[in-house]
Protein backbone atom coordinates (compact mmCIF):
# COMPACT_ATOMS: atom_id res chain seq x y z
CA MET A 1 0.00 0.00 0.00
CA PRO A 2 1.36 3.48 -0.81
CA PRO A 3 2.80 5.37 2.20
CA ASP A 4 0.28 8.21 1.84
CA LEU A 5 -2.63 5.75 2.21
CA VAL A 6 -0.98 4.13 5.24
CA ARG A 7 -0.59 7.55 6.86
CA GLU A 8 -4.15 8.48 5.89
CA CYS A 9 -5.57 5.33 7.49
CA GLN A 10 -3.45 5.82 10.63
CA THR A 11 -4.51 9.46 10.97
CA TYR A 12 -8.20 8.75 10.39
CA SER A 13 -8.15 5.89 12.89
CA ARG A 14 -6.55 8.08 15.54
CA TYR A 15 -9.10 10.82 14.82
CA LEU A 16 -12.10 8.49 14.96
CA ILE A 17 -11.23 6.07 17.77
CA GLY A 18 -8.03 7.42 19.33
CA GLN A 19 -6.07 4.28 18.39
CA PRO A 20 -3.81 3.22 15.55
CA PRO A 21 -5.48 0.91 13.03
CA SER A 22 -4.99 -2.82 13.33
CA PRO A 23 -3.13 -4.65 10.54
CA TYR A 24 -6.54 -5.91 9.35
CA VAL A 25 -7.85 -2.34 8.94
CA LEU A 26 -4.70 -1.24 7.10
CA VAL A 27 -4.88 -4.16 4.65
CA LYS A 28 -8.60 -3.73 3.99
CA TYR A 29 -8.22 0.06 3.57
CA GLY A 30 -5.59 -0.61 0.92
CA ASP A 31 -7.87 -3.19 -0.72
CA TYR A 32 -10.71 -0.67 -0.80
CA HIS A 33 -8.55 1.87 -2.62
CA ARG A 34 -7.24 -0.74 -5.06
CA VAL A 35 -10.81 -1.67 -6.00
CA PHE A 36 -12.43 1.77 -6.05
CA GLY A 37 -9.45 3.98 -6.91
CA ALA A 38 -9.20 7.66 -6.05
CA LEU A 39 -12.36 9.12 -4.55
CA GLU A 40 -11.29 12.74 -4.80
CA ASP A 41 -13.16 14.89 -7.31
CA GLY A 42 -11.41 18.18 -8.04
CA TRP A 43 -8.55 20.03 -6.44
CA PHE A 44 -10.46 21.15 -3.33
CA ASP A 45 -11.43 17.56 -2.57
CA ARG A 46 -7.79 16.49 -3.02
CA ALA A 47 -6.71 19.38 -0.76
CA LEU A 48 -9.16 18.32 1.98
CA VAL A 49 -7.84 14.77 1.91
CA GLY A 50 -4.23 15.95 1.76
CA ILE A 51 -4.66 18.27 4.75
CA SER A 52 -6.66 15.74 6.73
CA ARG A 53 -4.05 12.98 6.43
CA LEU A 54 -1.39 15.12 8.16
CA HIS A 55 -2.75 14.99 11.72
CA PRO A 56 -5.89 13.80 13.56
CA LEU A 57 -6.66 17.40 14.56
CA LEU A 58 -6.62 18.47 10.91
CA ALA A 59 -8.74 15.44 10.02
CA GLY A 60 -11.28 16.64 12.58
CA MET A 61 -11.23 20.16 11.16
CA ALA A 62 -11.68 18.92 7.58
CA ASP A 63 -14.43 16.50 8.65
CA SER A 64 -16.31 19.16 10.62
CA TYR A 65 -16.11 21.53 7.65
CA ALA A 66 -17.11 18.87 5.11
CA VAL A 67 -20.10 17.66 7.12
CA ARG A 68 -21.59 21.17 6.94
CA PHE A 69 -20.44 22.54 3.59
CA CYS A 70 -19.55 19.67 1.24
CA ARG A 71 -21.21 16.45 2.37
CA GLY A 72 -20.16 14.51 -0.73
CA ALA A 73 -16.45 15.12 -0.11
CA ALA A 74 -14.08 12.17 -0.36
CA ILE A 75 -12.92 12.64 3.25
CA ARG A 76 -16.42 11.76 4.47
CA LYS A 77 -16.41 8.52 2.45
CA LYS A 78 -12.90 7.62 3.61
CA LEU A 79 -13.79 8.21 7.26
CA VAL A 80 -16.85 5.97 6.94
CA VAL A 81 -14.67 3.22 5.45
CA VAL A 82 -12.12 3.46 8.30
CA LEU A 83 -14.86 3.46 10.94
CA ALA A 84 -16.65 0.49 9.34
CA LEU A 85 -13.41 -1.48 9.09
CA SER A 86 -12.57 -0.61 12.71
CA GLU A 87 -15.94 -1.95 13.83
CA CYS A 88 -15.16 -5.26 12.10
CA GLY A 89 -11.62 -5.78 13.35
CA TRP A 90 -10.14 -6.63 16.72
CA PRO A 91 -9.12 -4.83 19.01
CA SER A 92 -10.85 -1.65 17.85
CA SER A 93 -14.23 -3.39 17.68
CA GLU A 94 -14.09 -4.07 21.44
CA TYR A 95 -13.29 -0.41 22.10
CA LEU A 96 -16.14 0.78 19.86
CA ASP A 97 -18.60 -1.64 21.46
CA SER A 98 -17.79 -0.53 25.02
CA ALA A 99 -20.13 1.96 26.63
CA GLY A 100 -17.51 3.89 28.54
CA ALA A 101 -17.40 4.43 32.28
CA GLY A 102 -19.61 6.53 34.49
CA GLY A 103 -23.22 5.99 33.54
CA ARG A 104 -25.73 8.36 32.01
CA LEU A 105 -24.43 11.66 33.38
CA ALA A 106 -20.87 10.92 32.30
CA SER A 107 -22.14 9.94 28.84
CA LEU A 108 -24.02 13.22 28.54
CA GLY A 109 -20.90 15.10 29.62
CA ARG A 110 -18.81 13.33 26.98
CA LEU A 111 -21.47 14.06 24.36
CA ALA A 112 -21.57 17.75 25.30
CA GLY A 113 -17.78 17.93 25.20
CA ARG A 114 -17.67 16.33 21.74
CA ALA A 115 -20.35 18.71 20.47
CA ALA A 116 -18.41 21.72 21.77
CA TRP A 117 -15.19 20.38 20.21
CA HIS A 118 -17.02 19.91 16.89
CA GLY A 119 -18.02 23.59 17.08
CA VAL A 120 -14.42 24.66 17.62
CA LEU A 121 -13.23 22.50 14.71
CA LEU A 122 -16.04 23.81 12.50
CA ALA A 123 -15.10 27.42 13.26
CA ALA A 124 -11.44 26.69 12.52
CA GLY A 125 -12.43 24.92 9.31
CA ALA A 126 -14.59 27.84 8.21
CA ILE A 127 -11.68 30.24 8.76
CA VAL A 128 -9.00 28.08 7.13
CA LEU A 129 -10.91 26.08 4.51
CA GLY A 130 -13.85 28.38 3.74
CA PRO A 131 -11.95 30.88 1.56
CA VAL A 132 -10.22 28.06 -0.34
CA HIS A 133 -13.57 26.36 -0.90
CA LEU A 134 -15.06 29.60 -2.25
CA VAL A 135 -12.18 29.94 -4.72
CA ALA A 136 -12.71 26.33 -5.83
CA LEU A 137 -16.44 26.93 -6.34
CA ALA A 138 -15.77 30.12 -8.31
CA ALA A 139 -13.21 28.34 -10.49
CA ARG A 140 -15.65 25.51 -11.18
CA GLN A 141 -18.40 28.00 -12.05
CA ALA A 142 -16.08 29.94 -14.38
CA GLU A 143 -15.05 26.70 -16.07
CA ARG A 144 -18.67 25.76 -16.70
CA GLY A 145 -19.36 29.19 -18.20
CA ARG A 146 -16.58 28.94 -20.80
CA PRO A 147 -17.55 28.07 -24.36
CA ARG A 148 -16.10 24.78 -25.56
């Protein structure tokens, strides 16, 4: 598997479940890309994936931005693949199936914390990625308006 896909899978796994991917997840992620090829459509999509593979924090920022402003982005599909593979493979499946400690109040606290963190990442994404996304949309619109 190419090193950039290995890094991508590792980063996405750390972002989603806080753990490195198992060998099973790495192999199956590579298989997925061999079968389906590149998912990125356009330079902004490639930029989102490129930025997101650098660090779990950047993956979170790109994901938070994409979920609000470009739902069909490749990063969303790639994250779903990593999460689905993690649910199928040991030991990450055990982690994902555990309820966490502390009962209902602790669960609500974790949920509130994650929602607040999503807001911070969304704001950062809007500041960093928003202008680039607008340029990409304008370029696509200008390209469509050109006579062929």
